[in-house]
All heavy atoms as atom14 arrays in JSON, in Angstrom:
{
  "sequence": "TVGLAKLTMGLFWVRPRAFLPVDSRTREYLENNRIEVPSTASWTDY",
  "atom14_mask": [
    [1, 1, 1, 1, 1, 1, 1, 0, 0, 0, 0, 0, 0, 0],
    [1, 1, 1, 1, 1, 1, 1, 0, 0, 0, 0, 0, 0, 0],
    [1, 1, 1, 1, 0, 0, 0, 0, 0, 0, 0, 0, 0, 0],
    [1, 1, 1, 1, 1, 1, 1, 1, 0, 0, 0, 0, 0, 0],
    [1, 1, 1, 1, 1, 0, 0, 0, 0, 0, 0, 0, 0, 0],
    [1, 1, 1, 1, 1, 1, 1, 1, 1, 0, 0, 0, 0, 0],
    [1, 1, 1, 1, 1, 1, 1, 1, 0, 0, 0, 0, 0, 0],
    [1, 1, 1, 1, 1, 1, 1, 0, 0, 0, 0, 0, 0, 0],
    [1, 1, 1, 1, 1, 1, 1, 1, 0, 0, 0, 0, 0, 0],
    [1, 1, 1, 1, 0, 0, 0, 0, 0, 0, 0, 0, 0, 0],
    [1, 1, 1, 1, 1, 1, 1, 1, 0, 0, 0, 0, 0, 0],
    [1, 1, 1, 1, 1, 1, 1, 1, 1, 1, 1, 0, 0, 0],
    [1, 1, 1, 1, 1, 1, 1, 1, 1, 1, 1, 1, 1, 1],
    [1, 1, 1, 1, 1, 1, 1, 0, 0, 0, 0, 0, 0, 0],
    [1, 1, 1, 1, 1, 1, 1, 1, 1, 1, 1, 0, 0, 0],
    [1, 1, 1, 1, 1, 1, 1, 0, 0, 0, 0, 0, 0, 0],
    [1, 1, 1, 1, 1, 1, 1, 1, 1, 1, 1, 0, 0, 0],
    [1, 1, 1, 1, 1, 0, 0, 0, 0, 0, 0, 0, 0, 0],
    [1, 1, 1, 1, 1, 1, 1, 1, 1, 1, 1, 0, 0, 0],
    [1, 1, 1, 1, 1, 1, 1, 1, 0, 0, 0, 0, 0, 0],
    [1, 1, 1, 1, 1, 1, 1, 0, 0, 0, 0, 0, 0, 0],
    [1, 1, 1, 1, 1, 1, 1, 0, 0, 0, 0, 0, 0, 0],
    [1, 1, 1, 1, 1, 1, 1, 1, 0, 0, 0, 0, 0, 0],
    [1, 1, 1, 1, 1, 1, 0, 0, 0, 0, 0, 0, 0, 0],
    [1, 1, 1, 1, 1, 1, 1, 1, 1, 1, 1, 0, 0, 0],
    [1, 1, 1, 1, 1, 1, 1, 0, 0, 0, 0, 0, 0, 0],
    [1, 1, 1, 1, 1, 1, 1, 1, 1, 1, 1, 0, 0, 0],
    [1, 1, 1, 1, 1, 1, 1, 1, 1, 0, 0, 0, 0, 0],
    [1, 1, 1, 1, 1, 1, 1, 1, 1, 1, 1, 1, 0, 0],
    [1, 1, 1, 1, 1, 1, 1, 1, 0, 0, 0, 0, 0, 0],
    [1, 1, 1, 1, 1, 1, 1, 1, 1, 0, 0, 0, 0, 0],
    [1, 1, 1, 1, 1, 1, 1, 1, 0, 0, 0, 0, 0, 0],
    [1, 1, 1, 1, 1, 1, 1, 1, 0, 0, 0, 0, 0, 0],
    [1, 1, 1, 1, 1, 1, 1, 1, 1, 1, 1, 0, 0, 0],
    [1, 1, 1, 1, 1, 1, 1, 1, 0, 0, 0, 0, 0, 0],
    [1, 1, 1, 1, 1, 1, 1, 1, 1, 0, 0, 0, 0, 0],
    [1, 1, 1, 1, 1, 1, 1, 0, 0, 0, 0, 0, 0, 0],
    [1, 1, 1, 1, 1, 1, 1, 0, 0, 0, 0, 0, 0, 0],
    [1, 1, 1, 1, 1, 1, 0, 0, 0, 0, 0, 0, 0, 0],
    [1, 1, 1, 1, 1, 1, 1, 0, 0, 0, 0, 0, 0, 0],
    [1, 1, 1, 1, 1, 0, 0, 0, 0, 0, 0, 0, 0, 0],
    [1, 1, 1, 1, 1, 1, 0, 0, 0, 0, 0, 0, 0, 0],
    [1, 1, 1, 1, 1, 1, 1, 1, 1, 1, 1, 1, 1, 1],
    [1, 1, 1, 1, 1, 1, 1, 0, 0, 0, 0, 0, 0, 0],
    [1, 1, 1, 1, 1, 1, 1, 1, 0, 0, 0, 0, 0, 0],
    [1, 1, 1, 1, 1, 1, 1, 1, 1, 1, 1, 1, 0, 0]
  ],
  "atom14_positions": [
    [[193.49, 241.01, 141.66], [193.34, 241.03, 140.24], [194.41, 240.2, 139.53], [194.52, 240.3, 138.29], [193.32, 242.44, 139.69], [194.49, 243.1, 140.17], [192.07, 243.2, 140.12], [0.0, 0.0, 0.0], [0.0, 0.0, 0.0], [0.0, 0.0, 0.0], [0.0, 0.0, 0.0], [0.0, 0.0, 0.0], [0.0, 0.0, 0.0], [0.0, 0.0, 0.0]],
    [[195.19, 239.39, 140.27], [196.21, 238.63, 139.66], [195.79, 237.13, 139.7], [194.71, 236.81, 140.15], [197.57, 238.81, 140.39], [198.71, 237.98, 139.76], [197.95, 240.3, 140.38], [0.0, 0.0, 0.0], [0.0, 0.0, 0.0], [0.0, 0.0, 0.0], [0.0, 0.0, 0.0], [0.0, 0.0, 0.0], [0.0, 0.0, 0.0], [0.0, 0.0, 0.0]],
    [[196.58, 236.25, 139.25], [196.32, 234.82, 139.23], [197.5, 234.18, 138.55], [198.41, 234.89, 138.03], [0.0, 0.0, 0.0], [0.0, 0.0, 0.0], [0.0, 0.0, 0.0], [0.0, 0.0, 0.0], [0.0, 0.0, 0.0], [0.0, 0.0, 0.0], [0.0, 0.0, 0.0], [0.0, 0.0, 0.0], [0.0, 0.0, 0.0], [0.0, 0.0, 0.0]],
    [[197.58, 232.88, 138.45], [198.7, 232.21, 137.86], [198.92, 232.63, 136.42], [200.03, 232.87, 135.99], [198.55, 230.67, 137.95], [199.74, 229.86, 137.46], [200.96, 230.16, 138.3], [199.39, 228.39, 137.45], [0.0, 0.0, 0.0], [0.0, 0.0, 0.0], [0.0, 0.0, 0.0], [0.0, 0.0, 0.0], [0.0, 0.0, 0.0], [0.0, 0.0, 0.0]],
    [[197.85, 232.66, 135.65], [197.96, 233.02, 134.22], [198.55, 234.44, 134.08], [199.53, 234.61, 133.33], [196.59, 232.97, 133.55], [0.0, 0.0, 0.0], [0.0, 0.0, 0.0], [0.0, 0.0, 0.0], [0.0, 0.0, 0.0], [0.0, 0.0, 0.0], [0.0, 0.0, 0.0], [0.0, 0.0, 0.0], [0.0, 0.0, 0.0], [0.0, 0.0, 0.0]],
    [[197.97, 235.4, 134.73], [198.4, 236.77, 134.55], [199.8, 237.02, 135.1], [200.64, 237.68, 134.46], [197.42, 237.73, 135.27], [197.48, 239.16, 134.81], [196.25, 239.91, 135.33], [196.16, 241.31, 134.84], [194.96, 242.0, 135.29], [0.0, 0.0, 0.0], [0.0, 0.0, 0.0], [0.0, 0.0, 0.0], [0.0, 0.0, 0.0], [0.0, 0.0, 0.0]],
    [[200.12, 236.45, 136.26], [201.43, 236.65, 136.88], [202.55, 236.05, 136.04], [203.6, 236.65, 135.84], [201.41, 236.08, 138.3], [202.66, 236.42, 139.14], [202.81, 237.91, 139.33], [202.55, 235.74, 140.5], [0.0, 0.0, 0.0], [0.0, 0.0, 0.0], [0.0, 0.0, 0.0], [0.0, 0.0, 0.0], [0.0, 0.0, 0.0], [0.0, 0.0, 0.0]],
    [[202.31, 234.85, 135.54], [203.36, 234.2, 134.73], [203.5, 234.86, 133.35], [204.6, 234.85, 132.8], [203.1, 232.7, 134.54], [201.79, 232.48, 134.0], [203.17, 231.97, 135.91], [0.0, 0.0, 0.0], [0.0, 0.0, 0.0], [0.0, 0.0, 0.0], [0.0, 0.0, 0.0], [0.0, 0.0, 0.0], [0.0, 0.0, 0.0], [0.0, 0.0, 0.0]],
    [[202.41, 235.44, 132.84], [202.54, 236.26, 131.63], [203.49, 237.41, 131.9], [204.36, 237.73, 131.06], [201.17, 236.74, 131.2], [200.29, 235.7, 130.52], [198.54, 236.19, 130.38], [198.71, 237.74, 129.51], [0.0, 0.0, 0.0], [0.0, 0.0, 0.0], [0.0, 0.0, 0.0], [0.0, 0.0, 0.0], [0.0, 0.0, 0.0], [0.0, 0.0, 0.0]],
    [[203.32, 238.11, 133.01], [204.16, 239.24, 133.33], [205.61, 238.83, 133.5], [206.52, 239.51, 133.01], [0.0, 0.0, 0.0], [0.0, 0.0, 0.0], [0.0, 0.0, 0.0], [0.0, 0.0, 0.0], [0.0, 0.0, 0.0], [0.0, 0.0, 0.0], [0.0, 0.0, 0.0], [0.0, 0.0, 0.0], [0.0, 0.0, 0.0], [0.0, 0.0, 0.0]],
    [[205.87, 237.69, 134.13], [207.22, 237.22, 134.29], [207.83, 236.85, 132.9], [209.03, 237.06, 132.68], [207.25, 236.0, 135.23], [206.97, 236.29, 136.71], [206.76, 235.01, 137.47], [208.1, 237.11, 137.34], [0.0, 0.0, 0.0], [0.0, 0.0, 0.0], [0.0, 0.0, 0.0], [0.0, 0.0, 0.0], [0.0, 0.0, 0.0], [0.0, 0.0, 0.0]],
    [[207.02, 236.28, 132.06], [207.46, 235.94, 130.72], [207.86, 237.19, 129.93], [208.84, 237.21, 129.18], [206.37, 235.16, 129.98], [206.68, 234.84, 128.54], [207.6, 233.83, 128.24], [205.99, 235.49, 127.53], [207.88, 233.52, 126.89], [206.27, 235.2, 126.2], [207.2, 234.21, 125.87], [0.0, 0.0, 0.0], [0.0, 0.0, 0.0], [0.0, 0.0, 0.0]],
    [[207.09, 238.3, 130.08], [207.41, 239.54, 129.4], [208.82, 240.0, 129.77], [209.56, 240.43, 128.87], [206.42, 240.63, 129.75], [205.02, 240.42, 129.31], [204.56, 239.58, 128.32], [203.85, 241.03, 129.86], [203.18, 239.67, 128.2], [202.76, 240.55, 129.15], [203.64, 242.0, 130.89], [201.44, 240.95, 129.42], [202.37, 242.39, 131.16], [201.25, 241.91, 130.43]],
    [[209.14, 239.97, 131.04], [210.38, 240.6, 131.51], [211.58, 239.68, 131.36], [212.74, 240.13, 131.25], [210.26, 241.13, 132.94], [209.11, 242.13, 133.0], [210.02, 240.04, 133.95], [0.0, 0.0, 0.0], [0.0, 0.0, 0.0], [0.0, 0.0, 0.0], [0.0, 0.0, 0.0], [0.0, 0.0, 0.0], [0.0, 0.0, 0.0], [0.0, 0.0, 0.0]],
    [[211.35, 238.38, 131.41], [212.44, 237.37, 131.23], [211.88, 236.18, 130.46], [211.68, 235.1, 131.02], [213.01, 236.95, 132.64], [213.93, 237.95, 133.23], [215.2, 238.13, 132.4], [216.17, 239.03, 133.01], [216.28, 240.31, 132.68], [215.46, 240.86, 131.79], [217.22, 241.06, 133.24], [0.0, 0.0, 0.0], [0.0, 0.0, 0.0], [0.0, 0.0, 0.0]],
    [[211.66, 236.34, 129.16], [211.04, 235.32, 128.34], [211.88, 234.07, 128.19], [211.35, 232.97, 127.85], [210.8, 235.98, 126.98], [211.79, 237.12, 126.95], [211.92, 237.58, 128.37], [0.0, 0.0, 0.0], [0.0, 0.0, 0.0], [0.0, 0.0, 0.0], [0.0, 0.0, 0.0], [0.0, 0.0, 0.0], [0.0, 0.0, 0.0], [0.0, 0.0, 0.0]],
    [[213.17, 234.11, 128.44], [214.02, 232.95, 128.31], [213.97, 232.08, 129.56], [214.5, 230.95, 129.58], [215.46, 233.33, 128.02], [215.66, 234.26, 126.84], [217.1, 234.68, 126.72], [217.25, 235.98, 126.08], [217.53, 236.18, 124.82], [217.65, 235.13, 124.0], [217.7, 237.41, 124.34], [0.0, 0.0, 0.0], [0.0, 0.0, 0.0], [0.0, 0.0, 0.0]],
    [[213.39, 232.6, 130.67], [213.43, 231.96, 131.93], [212.11, 231.52, 132.49], [212.03, 230.55, 133.29], [214.15, 232.84, 132.96], [0.0, 0.0, 0.0], [0.0, 0.0, 0.0], [0.0, 0.0, 0.0], [0.0, 0.0, 0.0], [0.0, 0.0, 0.0], [0.0, 0.0, 0.0], [0.0, 0.0, 0.0], [0.0, 0.0, 0.0], [0.0, 0.0, 0.0]],
    [[211.01, 232.2, 132.13], [209.73, 231.94, 132.72], [208.68, 231.5, 131.68], [208.57, 232.13, 130.62], [209.21, 233.19, 133.49], [210.02, 233.55, 134.67], [211.03, 234.46, 134.6], [209.78, 232.93, 135.9], [211.78, 234.81, 135.68], [210.51, 233.25, 137.03], [211.57, 234.21, 136.91], [0.0, 0.0, 0.0], [0.0, 0.0, 0.0], [0.0, 0.0, 0.0]],
    [[207.96, 230.47, 132.0], [206.93, 229.92, 131.11], [205.58, 230.61, 131.37], [205.15, 230.68, 132.52], [206.75, 228.43, 131.33], [205.61, 227.72, 130.62], [205.95, 227.57, 129.13], [205.33, 226.37, 131.27], [0.0, 0.0, 0.0], [0.0, 0.0, 0.0], [0.0, 0.0, 0.0], [0.0, 0.0, 0.0], [0.0, 0.0, 0.0], [0.0, 0.0, 0.0]],
    [[204.94, 231.19, 130.36], [203.61, 231.76, 130.59], [202.58, 230.61, 130.72], [202.63, 229.67, 129.97], [203.35, 232.63, 129.35], [204.13, 231.92, 128.27], [205.35, 231.35, 128.98], [0.0, 0.0, 0.0], [0.0, 0.0, 0.0], [0.0, 0.0, 0.0], [0.0, 0.0, 0.0], [0.0, 0.0, 0.0], [0.0, 0.0, 0.0], [0.0, 0.0, 0.0]],
    [[201.65, 230.73, 131.66], [200.61, 229.73, 131.83], [199.26, 230.36, 131.6], [198.33, 230.23, 132.4], [200.71, 229.06, 133.2], [199.84, 227.77, 133.21], [202.16, 228.68, 133.56], [0.0, 0.0, 0.0], [0.0, 0.0, 0.0], [0.0, 0.0, 0.0], [0.0, 0.0, 0.0], [0.0, 0.0, 0.0], [0.0, 0.0, 0.0], [0.0, 0.0, 0.0]],
    [[199.11, 231.09, 130.48], [197.79, 231.63, 130.11], [196.94, 230.53, 129.58], [197.4, 229.36, 129.43], [198.01, 232.72, 129.06], [198.78, 232.23, 127.85], [200.04, 232.04, 127.94], [198.16, 232.02, 126.84], [0.0, 0.0, 0.0], [0.0, 0.0, 0.0], [0.0, 0.0, 0.0], [0.0, 0.0, 0.0], [0.0, 0.0, 0.0], [0.0, 0.0, 0.0]],
    [[195.68, 230.84, 129.26], [194.71, 229.79, 128.91], [195.12, 229.04, 127.64], [194.95, 227.82, 127.55], [193.32, 230.42, 128.74], [193.31, 231.4, 127.73], [0.0, 0.0, 0.0], [0.0, 0.0, 0.0], [0.0, 0.0, 0.0], [0.0, 0.0, 0.0], [0.0, 0.0, 0.0], [0.0, 0.0, 0.0], [0.0, 0.0, 0.0], [0.0, 0.0, 0.0]],
    [[195.7, 229.75, 126.62], [196.05, 229.08, 125.41], [197.26, 228.14, 125.62], [197.3, 227.05, 125.1], [196.42, 230.15, 124.34], [195.19, 230.95, 123.89], [194.29, 230.16, 123.02], [194.91, 229.84, 121.74], [194.4, 228.99, 120.83], [193.26, 228.43, 121.1], [195.03, 228.76, 119.69], [0.0, 0.0, 0.0], [0.0, 0.0, 0.0], [0.0, 0.0, 0.0]],
    [[198.25, 228.59, 126.41], [199.4, 227.75, 126.7], [198.98, 226.56, 127.54], [199.44, 225.43, 127.34], [200.48, 228.56, 127.4], [200.82, 229.7, 126.61], [201.75, 227.72, 127.58], [0.0, 0.0, 0.0], [0.0, 0.0, 0.0], [0.0, 0.0, 0.0], [0.0, 0.0, 0.0], [0.0, 0.0, 0.0], [0.0, 0.0, 0.0], [0.0, 0.0, 0.0]],
    [[198.09, 226.77, 128.5], [197.62, 225.69, 129.31], [196.94, 224.6, 128.44], [197.2, 223.41, 128.59], [196.56, 226.22, 130.34], [195.91, 225.13, 131.18], [194.79, 225.75, 132.03], [195.3, 226.62, 133.03], [195.61, 226.23, 134.29], [195.43, 225.0, 134.65], [196.04, 227.13, 135.13], [0.0, 0.0, 0.0], [0.0, 0.0, 0.0], [0.0, 0.0, 0.0]],
    [[196.09, 225.05, 127.5], [195.45, 224.07, 126.58], [196.49, 223.35, 125.75], [196.38, 222.14, 125.55], [194.46, 224.81, 125.69], [193.69, 223.92, 124.75], [192.76, 224.7, 123.83], [192.69, 225.95, 123.96], [192.11, 224.06, 122.99], [0.0, 0.0, 0.0], [0.0, 0.0, 0.0], [0.0, 0.0, 0.0], [0.0, 0.0, 0.0], [0.0, 0.0, 0.0]],
    [[197.49, 224.07, 125.28], [198.52, 223.43, 124.44], [199.29, 222.41, 125.25], [199.57, 221.31, 124.74], [199.47, 224.53, 123.94], [200.59, 224.04, 123.12], [200.41, 223.62, 121.78], [201.89, 223.96, 123.63], [201.46, 223.2, 121.0], [202.98, 223.48, 122.88], [202.75, 223.13, 121.58], [203.81, 222.65, 120.8], [0.0, 0.0, 0.0], [0.0, 0.0, 0.0]],
    [[199.63, 222.73, 126.47], [200.37, 221.81, 127.32], [199.56, 220.54, 127.59], [200.05, 219.41, 127.51], [200.77, 222.44, 128.62], [201.71, 223.63, 128.53], [201.99, 224.2, 129.95], [203.03, 223.25, 127.88], [0.0, 0.0, 0.0], [0.0, 0.0, 0.0], [0.0, 0.0, 0.0], [0.0, 0.0, 0.0], [0.0, 0.0, 0.0], [0.0, 0.0, 0.0]],
    [[198.28, 220.74, 127.88], [197.42, 219.56, 128.18], [197.24, 218.7, 126.93], [197.14, 217.47, 127.06], [196.11, 220.07, 128.76], [196.26, 220.68, 130.17], [194.95, 221.23, 130.72], [194.01, 221.41, 129.93], [194.91, 221.48, 131.95], [0.0, 0.0, 0.0], [0.0, 0.0, 0.0], [0.0, 0.0, 0.0], [0.0, 0.0, 0.0], [0.0, 0.0, 0.0]],
    [[197.19, 219.37, 125.74], [197.11, 218.59, 124.52], [198.38, 217.76, 124.28], [198.36, 216.76, 123.56], [196.87, 219.48, 123.32], [195.46, 220.05, 123.28], [194.54, 219.5, 123.93], [195.26, 221.14, 122.57], [0.0, 0.0, 0.0], [0.0, 0.0, 0.0], [0.0, 0.0, 0.0], [0.0, 0.0, 0.0], [0.0, 0.0, 0.0], [0.0, 0.0, 0.0]],
    [[199.49, 218.2, 124.89], [200.75, 217.5, 124.83], [200.97, 216.57, 126.04], [202.1, 216.25, 126.35], [201.9, 218.46, 124.61], [202.03, 218.93, 123.19], [202.67, 218.31, 122.35], [201.42, 220.09, 122.91], [0.0, 0.0, 0.0], [0.0, 0.0, 0.0], [0.0, 0.0, 0.0], [0.0, 0.0, 0.0], [0.0, 0.0, 0.0], [0.0, 0.0, 0.0]],
    [[199.9, 216.31, 126.75], [199.91, 215.39, 127.9], [200.78, 215.89, 129.03], [201.38, 215.11, 129.74], [200.34, 213.99, 127.45], [199.43, 213.37, 126.38], [199.85, 211.95, 126.02], [198.91, 211.42, 125.01], [199.1, 210.2, 124.5], [200.1, 209.41, 124.92], [198.24, 209.74, 123.58], [0.0, 0.0, 0.0], [0.0, 0.0, 0.0], [0.0, 0.0, 0.0]],
    [[200.78, 217.2, 129.23], [201.48, 217.76, 130.35], [200.39, 218.41, 131.23], [199.77, 219.39, 130.89], [202.48, 218.88, 129.92], [203.56, 218.25, 129.01], [203.16, 219.54, 131.14], [204.5, 219.29, 128.45], [0.0, 0.0, 0.0], [0.0, 0.0, 0.0], [0.0, 0.0, 0.0], [0.0, 0.0, 0.0], [0.0, 0.0, 0.0], [0.0, 0.0, 0.0]],
    [[200.16, 217.76, 132.36], [199.07, 218.2, 133.26], [199.49, 219.52, 133.94], [200.57, 219.64, 134.51], [198.77, 217.15, 134.28], [197.62, 217.49, 135.22], [197.37, 216.38, 136.24], [198.01, 215.34, 136.17], [196.5, 216.63, 137.08], [0.0, 0.0, 0.0], [0.0, 0.0, 0.0], [0.0, 0.0, 0.0], [0.0, 0.0, 0.0], [0.0, 0.0, 0.0]],
    [[198.57, 220.47, 133.91], [198.75, 221.77, 134.59], [198.07, 221.67, 135.94], [196.9, 221.33, 136.02], [198.19, 222.94, 133.75], [198.42, 224.26, 134.46], [198.86, 222.96, 132.39], [0.0, 0.0, 0.0], [0.0, 0.0, 0.0], [0.0, 0.0, 0.0], [0.0, 0.0, 0.0], [0.0, 0.0, 0.0], [0.0, 0.0, 0.0], [0.0, 0.0, 0.0]],
    [[198.79, 221.99, 137.02], [198.19, 221.81, 138.35], [196.98, 222.72, 138.57], [196.95, 223.86, 138.08], [199.32, 222.21, 139.28], [200.23, 223.06, 138.48], [200.15, 222.5, 137.09], [0.0, 0.0, 0.0], [0.0, 0.0, 0.0], [0.0, 0.0, 0.0], [0.0, 0.0, 0.0], [0.0, 0.0, 0.0], [0.0, 0.0, 0.0], [0.0, 0.0, 0.0]],
    [[196.04, 222.22, 139.27], [194.79, 223.0, 139.57], [195.1, 224.02, 140.68], [194.46, 225.07, 140.74], [193.65, 222.1, 139.96], [194.04, 221.27, 141.05], [0.0, 0.0, 0.0], [0.0, 0.0, 0.0], [0.0, 0.0, 0.0], [0.0, 0.0, 0.0], [0.0, 0.0, 0.0], [0.0, 0.0, 0.0], [0.0, 0.0, 0.0], [0.0, 0.0, 0.0]],
    [[196.04, 223.71, 141.52], [196.45, 224.64, 142.59], [197.56, 225.51, 142.05], [198.22, 225.17, 141.12], [196.89, 223.89, 143.84], [198.01, 223.04, 143.49], [195.81, 223.07, 144.43], [0.0, 0.0, 0.0], [0.0, 0.0, 0.0], [0.0, 0.0, 0.0], [0.0, 0.0, 0.0], [0.0, 0.0, 0.0], [0.0, 0.0, 0.0], [0.0, 0.0, 0.0]],
    [[197.76, 226.66, 142.72], [198.77, 227.59, 142.23], [199.7, 227.98, 143.36], [199.24, 228.49, 144.38], [198.12, 228.85, 141.63], [0.0, 0.0, 0.0], [0.0, 0.0, 0.0], [0.0, 0.0, 0.0], [0.0, 0.0, 0.0], [0.0, 0.0, 0.0], [0.0, 0.0, 0.0], [0.0, 0.0, 0.0], [0.0, 0.0, 0.0], [0.0, 0.0, 0.0]],
    [[200.96, 227.74, 143.23], [201.98, 228.16, 144.18], [203.32, 228.13, 143.44], [203.43, 227.62, 142.31], [202.06, 227.22, 145.37], [202.59, 225.95, 145.0], [0.0, 0.0, 0.0], [0.0, 0.0, 0.0], [0.0, 0.0, 0.0], [0.0, 0.0, 0.0], [0.0, 0.0, 0.0], [0.0, 0.0, 0.0], [0.0, 0.0, 0.0], [0.0, 0.0, 0.0]],
    [[204.33, 228.74, 144.01], [205.65, 228.74, 143.41], [206.16, 227.29, 143.18], [206.69, 226.98, 142.15], [206.63, 229.53, 144.24], [208.06, 229.48, 143.73], [209.13, 228.96, 144.35], [208.51, 230.02, 142.49], [210.26, 229.1, 143.57], [209.88, 229.76, 142.4], [207.91, 230.66, 141.39], [210.72, 230.14, 141.33], [208.7, 231.03, 140.32], [210.05, 230.78, 140.28]],
    [[205.94, 226.44, 144.14], [206.35, 225.06, 144.02], [205.65, 224.36, 142.86], [206.29, 223.65, 142.08], [206.07, 224.28, 145.33], [206.76, 224.93, 146.42], [206.54, 222.84, 145.23], [0.0, 0.0, 0.0], [0.0, 0.0, 0.0], [0.0, 0.0, 0.0], [0.0, 0.0, 0.0], [0.0, 0.0, 0.0], [0.0, 0.0, 0.0], [0.0, 0.0, 0.0]],
    [[204.36, 224.55, 142.72], [203.6, 223.96, 141.61], [204.11, 224.51, 140.28], [204.27, 223.73, 139.3], [202.1, 224.33, 141.73], [201.48, 223.74, 142.96], [201.9, 222.65, 143.41], [200.54, 224.36, 143.52], [0.0, 0.0, 0.0], [0.0, 0.0, 0.0], [0.0, 0.0, 0.0], [0.0, 0.0, 0.0], [0.0, 0.0, 0.0], [0.0, 0.0, 0.0]],
    [[204.36, 225.78, 140.22], [204.86, 226.39, 138.96], [206.22, 225.89, 138.59], [206.48, 225.58, 137.41], [204.85, 227.92, 139.09], [205.41, 228.64, 137.87], [204.72, 228.62, 136.65], [206.63, 229.3, 137.94], [205.25, 229.26, 135.55], [207.13, 229.95, 136.86], [206.44, 229.92, 135.65], [207.0, 230.58, 134.55], [0.0, 0.0, 0.0], [0.0, 0.0, 0.0]]
  ]
}
């Protein structure tokens, strides 16, 4: 029941100064700013 969006949201909650949330709205915002979000998910990708 986890995934990149949910897991990074949780990390953002506990350490918001250190971890970027990659939920759907942030993903869209990043892509609008020409920052490609990887289709694969791993710690290296993140």
